[in-house]
Amino acid sequence: MADFLPFPAFPASGGSPDSPPKMAVWKFASCDGCQLSLLDCEDEILEVATELKIAHFLEMSSATVAGPYALSLVEGSITTAEDVERIHRIRDDSRHLVTIGACATAGGVQALRNFGDVVEFAAAVYASPEYIDTLATSTPISAHVRVDFELRGCPIDRRQLLEVITAFLVGRTPNVPETSVCNECKRRGLTCVMVADGTPCLGPVTHAGCGALCPASSRGCYGCFGPTKDPNIASLAGWLRRCGMDDDDIGRVFSTFNVAAPEFGEGRRYGR
């Protein structure tokens, strides 16, 4: 997974009150949930549309405007040879490119294929697997092109998405802290579910962004937002064992939305 990077020089060029910068939203292998997070902005997206021309967003409208684009938001992972060619065209046509969601930033849950035989999988699932044209791996966008910023989550948080778009418009680095879910629990005054209740939780190694949604409901964090910066996987594994998990259990909890994130690879290997 690529590091979070500041945007290149701002503000976006080429825009004016009569001709605002153009934004495009693109989909690769994914469930569309991160694109829906943008649509869920409702009133806010109307304000965004006054500052940015939404030129390509098929989840919202079939009407499109050709590039180049000042800002491209990309959801989904690269899973076919055609995807590889298309993401290069999008990168060439975009001044700034931001990946949104676990699929685009870490390969998504479909990256489970990376640790098995994709030919065997296709034969088990499809009646005519010879028609399936796919790569052996599911990889993040950053494995193929330069990415200006990564916004994590499964799905992303709409407030963080609005922060990224706002930062683009005013010419600054997005304020998306690289803290863990534990920080969000503390800010909300929540009792630690792992210490108090013995509930397995990935919060200490998971990037903040959800607002501690699961711990607020007395459930452990599932790691939807991927690894935080420099996660101590070995230390957390010790706590997970105290909560009753064995090595296979630990391997499985790291084999979900962000299974191919290198930082989570250490946790996944416990299940081998």
C-alpha atoms as a PDB file:
ATOM      1  CA  MET A   1       0.000   0.000   0.000  1.00  0.00           C
ATOM      2  CA  ALA A   2       1.371   3.417  -0.930  1.00  0.00           C
ATOM      3  CA  ASP A   3       2.027   6.036   1.719  1.00  0.00           C
ATOM      4  CA  PHE A   4      -0.372   8.933   2.158  1.00  0.00           C
ATOM      5  CA  LEU A   5       1.026  11.742   0.040  1.00  0.00           C
ATOM      6  CA  PRO A   6       0.186  15.445  -0.102  1.00  0.00           C
ATOM      7  CA  PHE A   7      -1.402  16.645  -3.313  1.00  0.00           C
ATOM      8  CA  PRO A   8       0.945  18.220  -5.874  1.00  0.00           C
ATOM      9  CA  ALA A   9       0.930  21.997  -6.262  1.00  0.00           C
ATOM     10  CA  PHE A  10      -2.472  23.580  -5.685  1.00  0.00           C
ATOM     11  CA  PRO A  11      -4.880  25.075  -6.423  1.00  0.00           C
ATOM     12  CA  ALA A  12      -6.318  23.150  -9.339  1.00  0.00           C
ATOM     13  CA  SER A  13      -5.583  24.994 -12.538  1.00  0.00           C
ATOM     14  CA  GLY A  14      -7.931  25.585 -15.408  1.00  0.00           C
ATOM     15  CA  GLY A  15     -10.992  26.398 -13.327  1.00  0.00           C
ATOM     16  CA  SER A  16     -13.011  29.600 -13.212  1.00  0.00           C
ATOM     17  CA  PRO A  17     -16.514  30.564 -12.018  1.00  0.00           C
ATOM     18  CA  ASP A  18     -17.748  29.912 -15.538  1.00  0.00           C
ATOM     19  CA  SER A  19     -15.624  26.809 -16.060  1.00  0.00           C
ATOM     20  CA  PRO A  20     -14.888  25.021 -12.754  1.00  0.00           C
ATOM     21  CA  PRO A  21     -12.341  22.182 -12.524  1.00  0.00           C
ATOM     22  CA  LYS A  22     -13.638  18.851 -13.771  1.00  0.00           C
ATOM     23  CA  MET A  23     -13.921  15.851 -11.450  1.00  0.00           C
ATOM     24  CA  ALA A  24     -14.333  12.235 -12.558  1.00  0.00           C
ATOM     25  CA  VAL A  25     -15.258   9.137 -10.555  1.00  0.00           C
ATOM     26  CA  TRP A  26     -14.103   5.757 -11.887  1.00  0.00           C
ATOM     27  CA  LYS A  27     -14.938   2.160 -10.986  1.00  0.00           C
ATOM     28  CA  PHE A  28     -12.804  -0.956 -11.188  1.00  0.00           C
ATOM     29  CA  ALA A  29     -13.388  -4.306  -9.391  1.00  0.00           C
ATOM     30  CA  SER A  30     -15.503  -3.334  -6.387  1.00  0.00           C
ATOM     31  CA  CYS A  31     -19.009  -3.282  -4.936  1.00  0.00           C
ATOM     32  CA  ASP A  32     -19.726   0.451  -5.625  1.00  0.00           C
ATOM     33  CA  GLY A  33     -20.036   1.142  -1.886  1.00  0.00           C
ATOM     34  CA  CYS A  34     -17.410   3.908  -1.904  1.00  0.00           C
ATOM     35  CA  GLN A  35     -19.077   5.658  -4.823  1.00  0.00           C
ATOM     36  CA  LEU A  36     -22.352   5.449  -2.927  1.00  0.00           C
ATOM     37  CA  SER A  37     -20.621   7.196  -0.019  1.00  0.00           C
ATOM     38  CA  LEU A  38     -20.218  10.209  -2.303  1.00  0.00           C
ATOM     39  CA  LEU A  39     -23.886  10.074  -3.252  1.00  0.00           C
ATOM     40  CA  ASP A  40     -24.748   9.767   0.449  1.00  0.00           C
ATOM     41  CA  CYS A  41     -23.303  13.249   0.932  1.00  0.00           C
ATOM     42  CA  GLU A  42     -26.699  14.494  -0.346  1.00  0.00           C
ATOM     43  CA  ASP A  43     -26.814  18.228   0.455  1.00  0.00           C
ATOM     44  CA  GLU A  44     -23.021  18.513   0.531  1.00  0.00           C
ATOM     45  CA  ILE A  45     -22.654  17.110  -2.976  1.00  0.00           C
ATOM     46  CA  LEU A  46     -24.824  19.953  -4.260  1.00  0.00           C
ATOM     47  CA  GLU A  47     -22.312  22.408  -2.808  1.00  0.00           C
ATOM     48  CA  VAL A  48     -19.428  20.403  -4.291  1.00  0.00           C
ATOM     49  CA  ALA A  49     -21.123  20.596  -7.682  1.00  0.00           C
ATOM     50  CA  THR A  50     -21.019  24.402  -7.542  1.00  0.00           C
ATOM     51  CA  GLU A  51     -17.206  24.294  -7.217  1.00  0.00           C
ATOM     52  CA  LEU A  52     -16.404  21.240  -9.325  1.00  0.00           C
ATOM     53  CA  LYS A  53     -17.963  20.055 -12.555  1.00  0.00           C
ATOM     54  CA  ILE A  54     -18.798  16.379 -12.050  1.00  0.00           C
ATOM     55  CA  ALA A  55     -17.812  15.366 -15.546  1.00  0.00           C
ATOM     56  CA  HIS A  56     -17.795  11.563 -15.298  1.00  0.00           C
ATOM     57  CA  PHE A  57     -19.653   9.615 -12.608  1.00  0.00           C
ATOM     58  CA  LEU A  58     -21.667   6.736 -14.069  1.00  0.00           C
ATOM     59  CA  GLU A  59     -23.116   5.813 -10.673  1.00  0.00           C
ATOM     60  CA  MET A  60     -24.856   9.198 -10.758  1.00  0.00           C
ATOM     61  CA  SER A  61     -25.464   9.907 -14.440  1.00  0.00           C
ATOM     62  CA  SER A  62     -24.809   8.391 -17.877  1.00  0.00           C
ATOM     63  CA  ALA A  63     -23.972  11.876 -19.185  1.00  0.00           C
ATOM     64  CA  THR A  64     -20.214  12.375 -19.338  1.00  0.00           C
ATOM     65  CA  VAL A  65     -17.761  15.070 -20.363  1.00  0.00           C
ATOM     66  CA  ALA A  66     -14.373  14.209 -21.840  1.00  0.00           C
ATOM     67  CA  GLY A  67     -11.167  14.980 -19.957  1.00  0.00           C
ATOM     68  CA  PRO A  68      -8.639  16.046 -19.008  1.00  0.00           C
ATOM     69  CA  TYR A  69      -9.794  16.059 -15.390  1.00  0.00           C
ATOM     70  CA  ALA A  70      -8.481  18.121 -12.512  1.00  0.00           C
ATOM     71  CA  LEU A  71      -9.394  15.405 -10.008  1.00  0.00           C
ATOM     72  CA  SER A  72     -10.162  11.706 -10.448  1.00  0.00           C
ATOM     73  CA  LEU A  73     -11.547   9.530  -7.670  1.00  0.00           C
ATOM     74  CA  VAL A  74     -10.919   5.839  -8.314  1.00  0.00           C
ATOM     75  CA  GLU A  75     -12.750   2.962  -6.641  1.00  0.00           C
ATOM     76  CA  GLY A  76     -11.841  -0.702  -7.088  1.00  0.00           C
ATOM     77  CA  SER A  77      -8.839  -2.929  -7.683  1.00  0.00           C
ATOM     78  CA  ILE A  78      -7.015  -4.012 -10.828  1.00  0.00           C
ATOM     79  CA  THR A  79      -8.057  -7.552 -11.766  1.00  0.00           C
ATOM     80  CA  THR A  80      -7.836  -7.791 -15.567  1.00  0.00           C
ATOM     81  CA  ALA A  81      -5.391  -6.825 -18.304  1.00  0.00           C
ATOM     82  CA  GLU A  82      -7.979  -4.349 -19.578  1.00  0.00           C
ATOM     83  CA  ASP A  83      -8.026  -2.736 -16.123  1.00  0.00           C
ATOM     84  CA  VAL A  84      -4.273  -2.163 -16.357  1.00  0.00           C
ATOM     85  CA  GLU A  85      -4.615  -0.356 -19.670  1.00  0.00           C
ATOM     86  CA  ARG A  86      -7.592   1.691 -18.492  1.00  0.00           C
ATOM     87  CA  ILE A  87      -6.004   2.921 -15.254  1.00  0.00           C
ATOM     88  CA  HIS A  88      -2.994   4.176 -17.227  1.00  0.00           C
ATOM     89  CA  ARG A  89      -5.313   6.121 -19.540  1.00  0.00           C
ATOM     90  CA  ILE A  90      -7.121   7.612 -16.528  1.00  0.00           C
ATOM     91  CA  ARG A  91      -3.819   8.574 -14.895  1.00  0.00           C
ATOM     92  CA  ASP A  92      -2.670  10.288 -18.100  1.00  0.00           C
ATOM     93  CA  ASP A  93      -5.971  12.190 -18.249  1.00  0.00           C
ATOM     94  CA  SER A  94      -5.978  13.302 -14.580  1.00  0.00           C
ATOM     95  CA  ARG A  95      -3.995  16.026 -12.885  1.00  0.00           C
ATOM     96  CA  HIS A  96      -4.701  14.555  -9.437  1.00  0.00           C
ATOM     97  CA  LEU A  97      -5.717  10.944  -8.753  1.00  0.00           C
ATOM     98  CA  VAL A  98      -7.159   9.811  -5.415  1.00  0.00           C
ATOM     99  CA  THR A  99      -7.951   6.186  -4.616  1.00  0.00           C
ATOM    100  CA  ILE A 100     -11.003   5.560  -2.426  1.00  0.00           C
ATOM    101  CA  GLY A 101     -11.709   2.432  -0.415  1.00  0.00           C
ATOM    102  CA  ALA A 102     -10.067  -0.861   0.518  1.00  0.00           C
ATOM    103  CA  CYS A 103     -10.255  -2.283  -3.005  1.00  0.00           C
ATOM    104  CA  ALA A 104      -8.414   0.658  -4.554  1.00  0.00           C
ATOM    105  CA  THR A 105      -5.883   1.051  -1.730  1.00  0.00           C
ATOM    106  CA  ALA A 106      -5.186  -2.606  -0.848  1.00  0.00           C
ATOM    107  CA  GLY A 107      -6.773  -4.889  -3.449  1.00  0.00           C
ATOM    108  CA  GLY A 108      -9.980  -5.525  -1.479  1.00  0.00           C
ATOM    109  CA  VAL A 109     -11.495  -8.769  -0.286  1.00  0.00           C
ATOM    110  CA  GLN A 110     -11.077 -10.090  -3.839  1.00  0.00           C
ATOM    111  CA  ALA A 111      -7.314 -10.110  -3.187  1.00  0.00           C
ATOM    112  CA  LEU A 112      -7.860 -13.413  -1.366  1.00  0.00           C
ATOM    113  CA  ARG A 113      -7.223 -14.838  -4.836  1.00  0.00           C
ATOM    114  CA  ASN A 114      -3.611 -13.705  -4.474  1.00  0.00           C
ATOM    115  CA  PHE A 115      -2.980 -16.559  -2.038  1.00  0.00           C
ATOM    116  CA  GLY A 116      -4.585 -19.346  -4.063  1.00  0.00           C
ATOM    117  CA  ASP A 117      -4.918 -20.720  -7.579  1.00  0.00           C
ATOM    118  CA  VAL A 118      -7.190 -18.437  -9.630  1.00  0.00           C
ATOM    119  CA  VAL A 119      -7.627 -21.120 -12.303  1.00  0.00           C
ATOM    120  CA  GLU A 120      -8.879 -23.538  -9.656  1.00  0.00           C
ATOM    121  CA  PHE A 121     -11.228 -20.882  -8.273  1.00  0.00           C
ATOM    122  CA  ALA A 122     -12.690 -20.140 -11.712  1.00  0.00           C
ATOM    123  CA  ALA A 123     -13.247 -23.838 -12.409  1.00  0.00           C
ATOM    124  CA  ALA A 124     -15.115 -24.227  -9.114  1.00  0.00           C
ATOM    125  CA  VAL A 125     -17.354 -21.186  -9.635  1.00  0.00           C
ATOM    126  CA  TYR A 126     -18.092 -20.935 -13.357  1.00  0.00           C
ATOM    127  CA  ALA A 127     -19.698 -23.484 -15.642  1.00  0.00           C
ATOM    128  CA  SER A 128     -17.462 -22.353 -18.535  1.00  0.00           C
ATOM    129  CA  PRO A 129     -14.254 -21.069 -16.913  1.00  0.00           C
ATOM    130  CA  GLU A 130     -12.540 -20.869 -20.303  1.00  0.00           C
ATOM    131  CA  TYR A 131     -14.472 -17.644 -20.920  1.00  0.00           C
ATOM    132  CA  ILE A 132     -13.014 -15.987 -17.817  1.00  0.00           C
ATOM    133  CA  ASP A 133     -10.212 -13.554 -18.648  1.00  0.00           C
ATOM    134  CA  THR A 134      -8.628 -12.395 -15.414  1.00  0.00           C
ATOM    135  CA  LEU A 135      -5.299 -11.764 -13.765  1.00  0.00           C
ATOM    136  CA  ALA A 136      -3.968 -14.102 -11.094  1.00  0.00           C
ATOM    137  CA  THR A 137      -3.974 -11.256  -8.572  1.00  0.00           C
ATOM    138  CA  SER A 138      -6.096  -8.334  -7.406  1.00  0.00           C
ATOM    139  CA  THR A 139      -3.871  -5.324  -6.798  1.00  0.00           C
ATOM    140  CA  PRO A 140      -4.298  -1.737  -5.591  1.00  0.00           C
ATOM    141  CA  ILE A 141      -4.212   1.173  -8.018  1.00  0.00           C
ATOM    142  CA  SER A 142      -0.847   2.311  -6.613  1.00  0.00           C
ATOM    143  CA  ALA A 143       0.748  -0.900  -7.897  1.00  0.00           C
ATOM    144  CA  HIS A 144       0.227   0.381 -11.437  1.00  0.00           C
ATOM    145  CA  VAL A 145       0.201   4.195 -11.482  1.00  0.00           C
ATOM    146  CA  ARG A 146       1.180   7.154  -9.322  1.00  0.00           C
ATOM    147  CA  VAL A 147      -1.462   7.965  -6.710  1.00  0.00           C
ATOM    148  CA  ASP A 148      -1.644  11.418  -5.116  1.00  0.00           C
ATOM    149  CA  PHE A 149      -3.656  10.392  -2.061  1.00  0.00           C
ATOM    150  CA  GLU A 150      -5.223   7.236  -0.608  1.00  0.00           C
ATOM    151  CA  LEU A 151      -8.507   7.328   1.307  1.00  0.00           C
ATOM    152  CA  ARG A 152      -9.103   4.076   3.145  1.00  0.00           C
ATOM    153  CA  GLY A 153     -12.208   2.294   4.356  1.00  0.00           C
ATOM    154  CA  CYS A 154     -14.761  -0.361   3.422  1.00  0.00           C
ATOM    155  CA  PRO A 155     -16.606   1.755   2.614  1.00  0.00           C
ATOM    156  CA  ILE A 156     -14.926   5.135   2.985  1.00  0.00           C
ATOM    157  CA  ASP A 157     -16.257   7.701   5.431  1.00  0.00           C
ATOM    158  CA  ARG A 158     -18.163  10.448   3.628  1.00  0.00           C
ATOM    159  CA  ARG A 159     -16.809  13.115   5.984  1.00  0.00           C
ATOM    160  CA  GLN A 160     -13.245  12.151   5.101  1.00  0.00           C
ATOM    161  CA  LEU A 161     -14.161  12.178   1.411  1.00  0.00           C
ATOM    162  CA  LEU A 162     -15.551  15.698   1.715  1.00  0.00           C
ATOM    163  CA  GLU A 163     -12.343  16.705   3.504  1.00  0.00           C
ATOM    164  CA  VAL A 164     -10.250  15.391   0.596  1.00  0.00           C
ATOM    165  CA  ILE A 165     -12.367  17.217  -2.000  1.00  0.00           C
ATOM    166  CA  THR A 166     -12.299  20.419   0.061  1.00  0.00           C
ATOM    167  CA  ALA A 167      -8.519  20.180   0.417  1.00  0.00           C
ATOM    168  CA  PHE A 168      -8.249  19.819  -3.339  1.00  0.00           C
ATOM    169  CA  LEU A 169     -10.334  22.940  -3.904  1.00  0.00           C
ATOM    170  CA  VAL A 170      -8.438  25.195  -1.493  1.00  0.00           C
ATOM    171  CA  GLY A 171      -4.946  23.872  -2.128  1.00  0.00           C
ATOM    172  CA  ARG A 172      -3.818  22.035   0.995  1.00  0.00           C
ATOM    173  CA  THR A 173      -3.002  18.537   2.196  1.00  0.00           C
ATOM    174  CA  PRO A 174      -6.118  16.655   3.378  1.00  0.00           C
ATOM    175  CA  ASN A 175      -6.477  16.475   7.152  1.00  0.00           C
ATOM    176  CA  VAL A 176      -6.892  12.714   7.532  1.00  0.00           C
ATOM    177  CA  PRO A 177      -4.945  11.741  10.696  1.00  0.00           C
ATOM    178  CA  GLU A 178      -2.942   8.502  10.644  1.00  0.00           C
ATOM    179  CA  THR A 179      -4.149   7.507  14.101  1.00  0.00           C
ATOM    180  CA  SER A 180      -5.809   4.246  15.135  1.00  0.00           C
ATOM    181  CA  VAL A 181      -9.400   3.379  15.966  1.00  0.00           C
ATOM    182  CA  CYS A 182      -8.321   3.346  19.632  1.00  0.00           C
ATOM    183  CA  ASN A 183      -7.916   7.129  19.421  1.00  0.00           C
ATOM    184  CA  GLU A 184     -11.495   7.411  18.227  1.00  0.00           C
ATOM    185  CA  CYS A 185     -12.678   5.230  21.112  1.00  0.00           C
ATOM    186  CA  LYS A 186     -10.881   7.497  23.587  1.00  0.00           C
ATOM    187  CA  ARG A 187     -12.351  10.646  22.067  1.00  0.00           C
ATOM    188  CA  ARG A 188     -15.834   9.150  22.351  1.00  0.00           C
ATOM    189  CA  GLY A 189     -15.263   8.034  25.938  1.00  0.00           C
ATOM    190  CA  LEU A 190     -15.816   4.370  25.089  1.00  0.00           C
ATOM    191  CA  THR A 191     -14.676   1.510  27.286  1.00  0.00           C
ATOM    192  CA  CYS A 192     -12.106  -0.713  25.585  1.00  0.00           C
ATOM    193  CA  VAL A 193     -13.991  -3.850  24.553  1.00  0.00           C
ATOM    194  CA  MET A 194     -10.794  -5.915  24.523  1.00  0.00           C
ATOM    195  CA  VAL A 195      -9.567  -4.954  27.987  1.00  0.00           C
ATOM    196  CA  ALA A 196     -12.965  -4.784  29.701  1.00  0.00           C
ATOM    197  CA  ASP A 197     -14.856  -7.592  27.969  1.00  0.00           C
ATOM    198  CA  GLY A 198     -12.217  -9.819  26.382  1.00  0.00           C
ATOM    199  CA  THR A 199     -13.666  -9.115  22.924  1.00  0.00           C
ATOM    200  CA  PRO A 200     -11.142  -9.551  20.075  1.00  0.00           C
ATOM    201  CA  CYS A 201     -10.571  -6.184  18.384  1.00  0.00           C
ATOM    202  CA  LEU A 202      -8.308  -4.934  15.573  1.00  0.00           C
ATOM    203  CA  GLY A 203      -8.686  -1.311  16.675  1.00  0.00           C
ATOM    204  CA  PRO A 204      -5.071  -0.870  17.862  1.00  0.00           C
ATOM    205  CA  VAL A 205      -3.693  -1.587  14.363  1.00  0.00           C
ATOM    206  CA  THR A 206      -6.525  -0.171  12.230  1.00  0.00           C
ATOM    207  CA  HIS A 207      -6.585   3.275  10.658  1.00  0.00           C
ATOM    208  CA  ALA A 208      -9.104   5.706  12.113  1.00  0.00           C
ATOM    209  CA  GLY A 209     -12.021   6.957  10.047  1.00  0.00           C
ATOM    210  CA  CYS A 210     -15.144   5.052  11.035  1.00  0.00           C
ATOM    211  CA  GLY A 211     -15.669   6.887  14.323  1.00  0.00           C
ATOM    212  CA  ALA A 212     -15.216   3.641  16.288  1.00  0.00           C
ATOM    213  CA  LEU A 213     -18.505   2.368  14.887  1.00  0.00           C
ATOM    214  CA  CYS A 214     -18.188  -1.247  16.052  1.00  0.00           C
ATOM    215  CA  PRO A 215     -16.673  -0.642  19.514  1.00  0.00           C
ATOM    216  CA  ALA A 216     -19.487   1.864  20.136  1.00  0.00           C
ATOM    217  CA  SER A 217     -21.849  -1.116  19.747  1.00  0.00           C
ATOM    218  CA  SER A 218     -19.733  -3.303  22.066  1.00  0.00           C
ATOM    219  CA  ARG A 219     -18.205  -5.172  19.130  1.00  0.00           C
ATOM    220  CA  GLY A 220     -14.562  -5.515  18.182  1.00  0.00           C
ATOM    221  CA  CYS A 221     -13.107  -3.607  15.232  1.00  0.00           C
ATOM    222  CA  TYR A 222     -12.946  -5.657  12.006  1.00  0.00           C
ATOM    223  CA  GLY A 223     -10.146  -3.657  10.376  1.00  0.00           C
ATOM    224  CA  CYS A 224     -12.299  -2.132   7.627  1.00  0.00           C
ATOM    225  CA  PHE A 225     -10.066   0.945   7.289  1.00  0.00           C
ATOM    226  CA  GLY A 226      -6.860  -1.031   6.854  1.00  0.00           C
ATOM    227  CA  PRO A 227      -3.600  -0.736   8.753  1.00  0.00           C
ATOM    228  CA  THR A 228      -2.612   2.371  10.627  1.00  0.00           C
ATOM    229  CA  LYS A 229       0.928   3.663  10.359  1.00  0.00           C
ATOM    230  CA  ASP A 230       3.539   1.234  11.775  1.00  0.00           C
ATOM    231  CA  PRO A 231       1.050  -1.228  13.355  1.00  0.00           C
ATOM    232  CA  ASN A 232       2.400  -3.557  16.043  1.00  0.00           C
ATOM    233  CA  ILE A 233       0.832  -6.778  14.802  1.00  0.00           C
ATOM    234  CA  ALA A 234       2.855  -9.066  17.063  1.00  0.00           C
ATOM    235  CA  SER A 235       1.747  -7.228  20.193  1.00  0.00           C
ATOM    236  CA  LEU A 236      -1.896  -7.317  19.135  1.00  0.00           C
ATOM    237  CA  ALA A 237      -1.625 -11.040  18.391  1.00  0.00           C
ATOM    238  CA  GLY A 238      -0.709 -11.565  22.036  1.00  0.00           C
ATOM    239  CA  TRP A 239      -3.835  -9.701  23.138  1.00  0.00           C
ATOM    240  CA  LEU A 240      -5.993 -11.660  20.700  1.00  0.00           C
ATOM    241  CA  ARG A 241      -4.702 -14.903  22.222  1.00  0.00           C
ATOM    242  CA  ARG A 242      -5.689 -13.605  25.661  1.00  0.00           C
ATOM    243  CA  CYS A 243      -9.171 -13.131  24.207  1.00  0.00           C
ATOM    244  CA  GLY A 244      -9.310 -16.836  23.304  1.00  0.00           C
ATOM    245  CA  MET A 245      -8.144 -16.813  19.683  1.00  0.00           C
ATOM    246  CA  ASP A 246      -5.667 -19.339  18.294  1.00  0.00           C
ATOM    247  CA  ASP A 247      -3.273 -18.720  15.399  1.00  0.00           C
ATOM    248  CA  ASP A 248      -5.823 -19.829  12.784  1.00  0.00           C
ATOM    249  CA  ASP A 249      -8.372 -17.394  14.204  1.00  0.00           C
ATOM    250  CA  ILE A 250      -5.808 -14.585  14.108  1.00  0.00           C
ATOM    251  CA  GLY A 251      -4.952 -15.385  10.505  1.00  0.00           C
ATOM    252  CA  ARG A 252      -8.624 -15.254   9.525  1.00  0.00           C
ATOM    253  CA  VAL A 253      -9.381 -11.865  11.113  1.00  0.00           C
ATOM    254  CA  PHE A 254      -6.583 -10.341   9.058  1.00  0.00           C
ATOM    255  CA  SER A 255      -7.856 -12.018   5.857  1.00  0.00           C
ATOM    256  CA  THR A 256     -10.802  -9.780   5.018  1.00  0.00           C
ATOM    257  CA  PHE A 257     -11.208  -6.351   3.411  1.00  0.00           C
ATOM    258  CA  ASN A 258      -7.512  -5.458   3.476  1.00  0.00           C
ATOM    259  CA  VAL A 259      -5.998  -8.928   3.191  1.00  0.00           C
ATOM    260  CA  ALA A 260      -3.304  -7.822   0.728  1.00  0.00           C
ATOM    261  CA  ALA A 261      -2.161  -4.787   2.721  1.00  0.00           C
ATOM    262  CA  PRO A 262       1.502  -5.562   3.458  1.00  0.00           C
ATOM    263  CA  GLU A 263       1.151  -4.404   7.068  1.00  0.00           C
ATOM    264  CA  PHE A 264      -1.626  -6.942   7.652  1.00  0.00           C
ATOM    265  CA  GLY A 265       0.415  -9.697   6.018  1.00  0.00           C
ATOM    266  CA  GLU A 266       2.143 -10.476   9.308  1.00  0.00           C
ATOM    267  CA  GLY A 267      -1.210 -11.113  10.955  1.00  0.00           C
ATOM    268  CA  ARG A 268      -2.482 -13.226   8.069  1.00  0.00           C
ATOM    269  CA  ARG A 269       0.574 -15.501   8.290  1.00  0.00           C
ATOM    270  CA  TYR A 270      -0.403 -16.585  11.797  1.00  0.00           C
ATOM    271  CA  GLY A 271      -3.042 -18.762  10.141  1.00  0.00           C
ATOM    272  CA  ARG A 272      -0.615 -20.715   8.019  1.00  0.00           C
END
